[in-house]
Amino acid sequence: MITLALSKGRIFDETLPLLRAAGIEVRGDPEKSRELILATNQSDVRVLVVRATDVPTYVQYGGADLGITGKDTLLEHGSLGLYQPLDLQIAKCRISVAVREGFDYLDAVQQGSRLKVATKYVAIARDFFATKGVHVDLIKLYGSMELAPLTGLADAIVDLVSTGNTLKANHLVEVERIMDISARLVVNQAALKLKQAPIRRIIDAFATAVAQ
């Protein structure tokens, strides 16, 4: 049995064409069903529906043989022991710094001000600001990041940005792009040795689909 860990939403939807390229059709829709283990048209392949942040953990500890997760998750939660053969070029977005309209971010940085930054990407934010030599106090939040500058909780946020529409709707502006993000295929190294042929077949099919 080959087990693939996926999260609901954009990554799940954008993975389906890659699975089809490998001859795999998922039976079931996680948005319409409470089932967390989905069968496929292949009796020896199944899909686990897990939280995005849990995908690397399931793969690392053998709960899944393969998984698809964002580069942001791998950087934030670590990728120890995971083989990362492919950048799948799906679920593209970026991690950026944003502030409320009217806040002079560049002046604050140049003046050496200590900034309060709200984010769920604490490790990524810490590394970014340390590299720039900017002193920050990091405030960990898990959602509704845009509220932090609007309520005075923080001067800035570090968050995923796709279209930028959510920032605009909340009167925030993107002031620095930290990095581009896309989804990666991760593989359990022990599983790759024990189930080399079927896993390699999926990797090769994905690689061909991405290259087209």
Protein backbone atom coordinates (compact mmCIF):
# COMPACT_ATOMS: atom_id res chain seq x y z
CA MET A 1 0.00 0.00 0.00
CA ILE A 2 1.27 3.47 -0.95
CA THR A 3 -0.07 6.27 1.25
CA LEU A 4 0.00 9.93 0.16
CA ALA A 5 -0.62 12.72 2.69
CA LEU A 6 -2.42 15.83 1.40
CA SER A 7 -4.09 18.85 2.96
CA LYS A 8 -7.50 20.15 1.95
CA GLY A 9 -7.86 23.19 -0.22
CA ARG A 10 -5.58 24.55 -2.89
CA ILE A 11 -2.84 21.93 -2.62
CA PHE A 12 -5.36 19.07 -2.82
CA ASP A 13 -7.10 20.58 -5.85
CA GLU A 14 -3.88 21.35 -7.72
CA THR A 15 -2.44 17.90 -6.97
CA LEU A 16 -5.31 16.07 -8.70
CA PRO A 17 -3.97 16.66 -12.26
CA LEU A 18 -0.55 15.36 -11.17
CA LEU A 19 -2.17 12.24 -9.74
CA ARG A 20 -4.10 11.73 -12.96
CA ALA A 21 -0.81 11.91 -14.85
CA ALA A 22 0.31 8.99 -12.67
CA GLY A 23 -2.92 7.13 -13.47
CA ILE A 24 -4.37 7.78 -10.01
CA GLU A 25 -7.94 9.05 -9.53
CA VAL A 26 -9.00 9.98 -5.99
CA ARG A 27 -12.43 8.70 -5.02
CA GLY A 28 -14.00 11.22 -2.72
CA ASP A 29 -13.91 14.95 -2.06
CA PRO A 30 -12.58 16.10 1.34
CA GLU A 31 -14.72 19.24 1.09
CA LYS A 32 -17.90 17.14 0.88
CA SER A 33 -16.97 14.19 3.08
CA ARG A 34 -15.75 13.70 6.64
CA GLU A 35 -13.64 10.73 5.57
CA LEU A 36 -9.94 11.27 6.26
CA ILE A 37 -8.69 8.26 4.28
CA LEU A 38 -9.70 8.39 0.62
CA ALA A 39 -9.51 5.42 -1.73
CA THR A 40 -8.29 5.75 -5.32
CA ASN A 41 -8.86 3.80 -8.50
CA GLN A 42 -5.73 1.83 -7.61
CA SER A 43 -6.25 -0.66 -4.79
CA ASP A 44 -2.68 -0.16 -3.53
CA VAL A 45 -2.79 3.67 -3.34
CA ARG A 46 -4.70 5.76 -0.77
CA VAL A 47 -4.78 9.41 0.27
CA LEU A 48 -4.69 10.73 3.84
CA VAL A 49 -6.34 14.11 4.44
CA VAL A 50 -4.35 15.91 7.17
CA ARG A 51 -3.61 19.45 8.31
CA ALA A 52 -1.05 21.17 6.10
CA THR A 53 1.38 21.57 8.99
CA ASP A 54 1.14 17.84 9.78
CA VAL A 55 2.10 16.54 6.32
CA PRO A 56 5.89 16.49 7.01
CA THR A 57 5.30 14.74 10.35
CA TYR A 58 3.19 11.97 8.82
CA VAL A 59 5.82 11.37 6.15
CA GLN A 60 8.81 11.63 8.50
CA TYR A 61 7.43 9.07 10.95
CA GLY A 62 6.01 6.68 8.37
CA GLY A 63 2.30 7.44 8.69
CA ALA A 64 2.50 8.22 4.98
CA ASP A 65 5.00 7.23 2.31
CA LEU A 66 4.75 10.51 0.41
CA GLY A 67 3.26 13.92 1.00
CA ILE A 68 2.79 17.25 -0.70
CA THR A 69 3.31 20.42 1.32
CA GLY A 70 4.40 24.00 0.89
CA LYS A 71 7.99 25.14 1.14
CA ASP A 72 6.86 27.44 3.96
CA THR A 73 5.75 24.44 6.04
CA LEU A 74 9.03 22.62 5.45
CA LEU A 75 11.08 25.66 6.44
CA GLU A 76 8.99 26.42 9.51
CA HIS A 77 8.59 22.90 10.86
CA GLY A 78 11.78 21.31 9.57
CA SER A 79 12.36 18.61 6.98
CA LEU A 80 14.74 16.31 8.84
CA GLY A 81 14.87 12.85 7.28
CA LEU A 82 12.68 13.78 4.32
CA TYR A 83 13.67 13.24 0.70
CA GLN A 84 12.49 16.16 -1.44
CA PRO A 85 12.77 15.08 -5.06
CA LEU A 86 10.49 17.66 -6.70
CA ASP A 87 9.31 21.23 -6.64
CA LEU A 88 5.84 20.62 -8.06
CA GLN A 89 5.31 24.26 -9.11
CA ILE A 90 1.76 24.30 -7.70
CA ALA A 91 0.06 26.34 -4.96
CA LYS A 92 2.38 29.24 -5.76
CA CYS A 93 2.41 32.28 -3.51
CA ARG A 94 4.95 34.28 -1.49
CA ILE A 95 5.81 35.13 2.09
CA SER A 96 5.93 38.88 2.58
CA VAL A 97 6.07 41.63 5.15
CA ALA A 98 2.99 43.85 5.25
CA VAL A 99 2.05 46.93 7.30
CA ARG A 100 -1.00 49.14 7.65
CA GLU A 101 -1.38 51.97 5.15
CA GLY A 102 0.47 55.05 6.31
CA PHE A 103 3.08 53.24 8.42
CA ASP A 104 6.59 54.21 7.24
CA TYR A 105 8.23 50.78 7.37
CA LEU A 106 11.45 51.78 5.61
CA ASP A 107 12.00 54.72 7.94
CA ALA A 108 11.38 52.53 10.99
CA VAL A 109 13.94 50.02 9.73
CA GLN A 110 16.50 52.70 8.88
CA GLN A 111 16.03 54.34 12.29
CA GLY A 112 16.75 51.02 14.00
CA SER A 113 13.33 50.87 15.61
CA ARG A 114 12.35 47.68 17.36
CA LEU A 115 9.36 46.34 15.46
CA LYS A 116 6.51 44.18 16.71
CA VAL A 117 5.80 41.53 14.08
CA ALA A 118 2.86 39.15 14.13
CA THR A 119 3.15 35.86 12.23
CA LYS A 120 2.64 32.14 12.34
CA TYR A 121 5.98 31.79 10.51
CA VAL A 122 8.16 32.56 13.50
CA ALA A 123 11.30 30.75 12.32
CA ILE A 124 11.16 32.26 8.83
CA ALA A 125 10.52 35.76 10.19
CA ARG A 126 13.26 35.49 12.79
CA ASP A 127 15.84 34.43 10.18
CA PHE A 128 14.76 37.12 7.74
CA PHE A 129 14.95 40.03 10.16
CA ALA A 130 18.16 38.73 11.75
CA THR A 131 19.81 38.68 8.32
CA LYS A 132 18.76 42.32 7.82
CA GLY A 133 19.92 43.29 11.30
CA VAL A 134 16.44 44.47 12.28
CA HIS A 135 15.38 44.05 15.90
CA VAL A 136 11.91 42.54 16.25
CA ASP A 137 9.58 41.18 18.87
CA LEU A 138 7.71 38.25 17.31
CA ILE A 139 4.09 37.60 18.23
CA LYS A 140 2.78 34.18 17.19
CA LEU A 141 -0.73 34.14 15.77
CA TYR A 142 -2.57 31.33 14.01
CA GLY A 143 -5.05 33.27 11.89
CA SER A 144 -6.61 36.62 10.98
CA MET A 145 -3.10 38.05 10.76
CA GLU A 146 -4.35 41.23 9.11
CA LEU A 147 -6.00 42.35 12.36
CA ALA A 148 -2.69 42.71 14.21
CA PRO A 149 -1.56 46.03 12.65
CA LEU A 150 -5.11 47.38 12.61
CA THR A 151 -5.55 46.91 16.35
CA GLY A 152 -2.08 48.06 17.36
CA LEU A 153 -1.00 44.56 18.36
CA ALA A 154 1.86 44.69 15.86
CA ASP A 155 3.64 47.09 13.50
CA ALA A 156 3.91 44.50 10.75
CA ILE A 157 2.93 40.98 9.78
CA VAL A 158 4.75 38.20 7.96
CA ASP A 159 2.29 36.06 6.06
CA LEU A 160 1.50 34.22 2.84
CA VAL A 161 0.35 36.46 0.01
CA SER A 162 -1.27 35.21 -3.16
CA THR A 163 -3.20 37.94 -4.99
CA GLY A 164 -2.81 40.62 -2.33
CA ASN A 165 -6.57 41.25 -2.31
CA THR A 166 -6.95 40.37 1.38
CA LEU A 167 -4.26 42.90 2.28
CA LYS A 168 -5.95 45.62 0.23
CA ALA A 169 -9.36 44.84 1.72
CA ASN A 170 -7.88 45.38 5.18
CA HIS A 171 -5.91 48.52 4.28
CA LEU A 172 -2.51 46.84 4.46
CA VAL A 173 0.38 47.16 2.02
CA GLU A 174 3.08 44.66 1.10
CA VAL A 175 6.48 46.22 1.80
CA GLU A 176 8.96 43.37 1.41
CA ARG A 177 8.91 39.99 -0.30
CA ILE A 178 10.77 37.41 1.78
CA MET A 179 10.57 34.42 -0.57
CA ASP A 180 8.50 32.69 -3.23
CA ILE A 181 6.64 29.58 -2.14
CA SER A 182 5.39 26.50 -3.99
CA ALA A 183 4.49 22.94 -3.01
CA ARG A 184 7.09 20.19 -2.70
CA LEU A 185 6.84 16.42 -2.94
CA VAL A 186 8.36 14.83 0.17
CA VAL A 187 9.12 11.14 0.56
CA ASN A 188 9.88 8.92 3.55
CA GLN A 189 13.40 7.62 2.96
CA ALA A 190 12.73 4.17 4.42
CA ALA A 191 9.60 3.81 2.28
CA LEU A 192 11.60 4.73 -0.81
CA LYS A 193 13.93 1.79 -0.15
CA LEU A 194 11.17 -0.70 0.70
CA LYS A 195 8.69 0.38 -2.00
CA GLN A 196 11.10 1.74 -4.54
CA ALA A 197 9.34 0.73 -7.76
CA PRO A 198 5.83 2.10 -7.07
CA ILE A 199 7.11 5.27 -5.40
CA ARG A 200 9.62 5.94 -8.16
CA ARG A 201 6.83 5.48 -10.70
CA ILE A 202 4.79 8.23 -9.00
CA ILE A 203 7.82 10.55 -8.73
CA ASP A 204 8.63 10.08 -12.43
CA ALA A 205 5.02 10.69 -13.49
CA PHE A 206 4.88 13.86 -11.41
CA ALA A 207 8.21 15.06 -12.84
CA THR A 208 6.97 14.53 -16.41
CA ALA A 209 3.71 16.38 -15.69
CA VAL A 210 5.53 19.32 -14.08
CA ALA A 211 7.92 19.61 -17.03
CA GLN A 212 5.09 19.87 -19.58
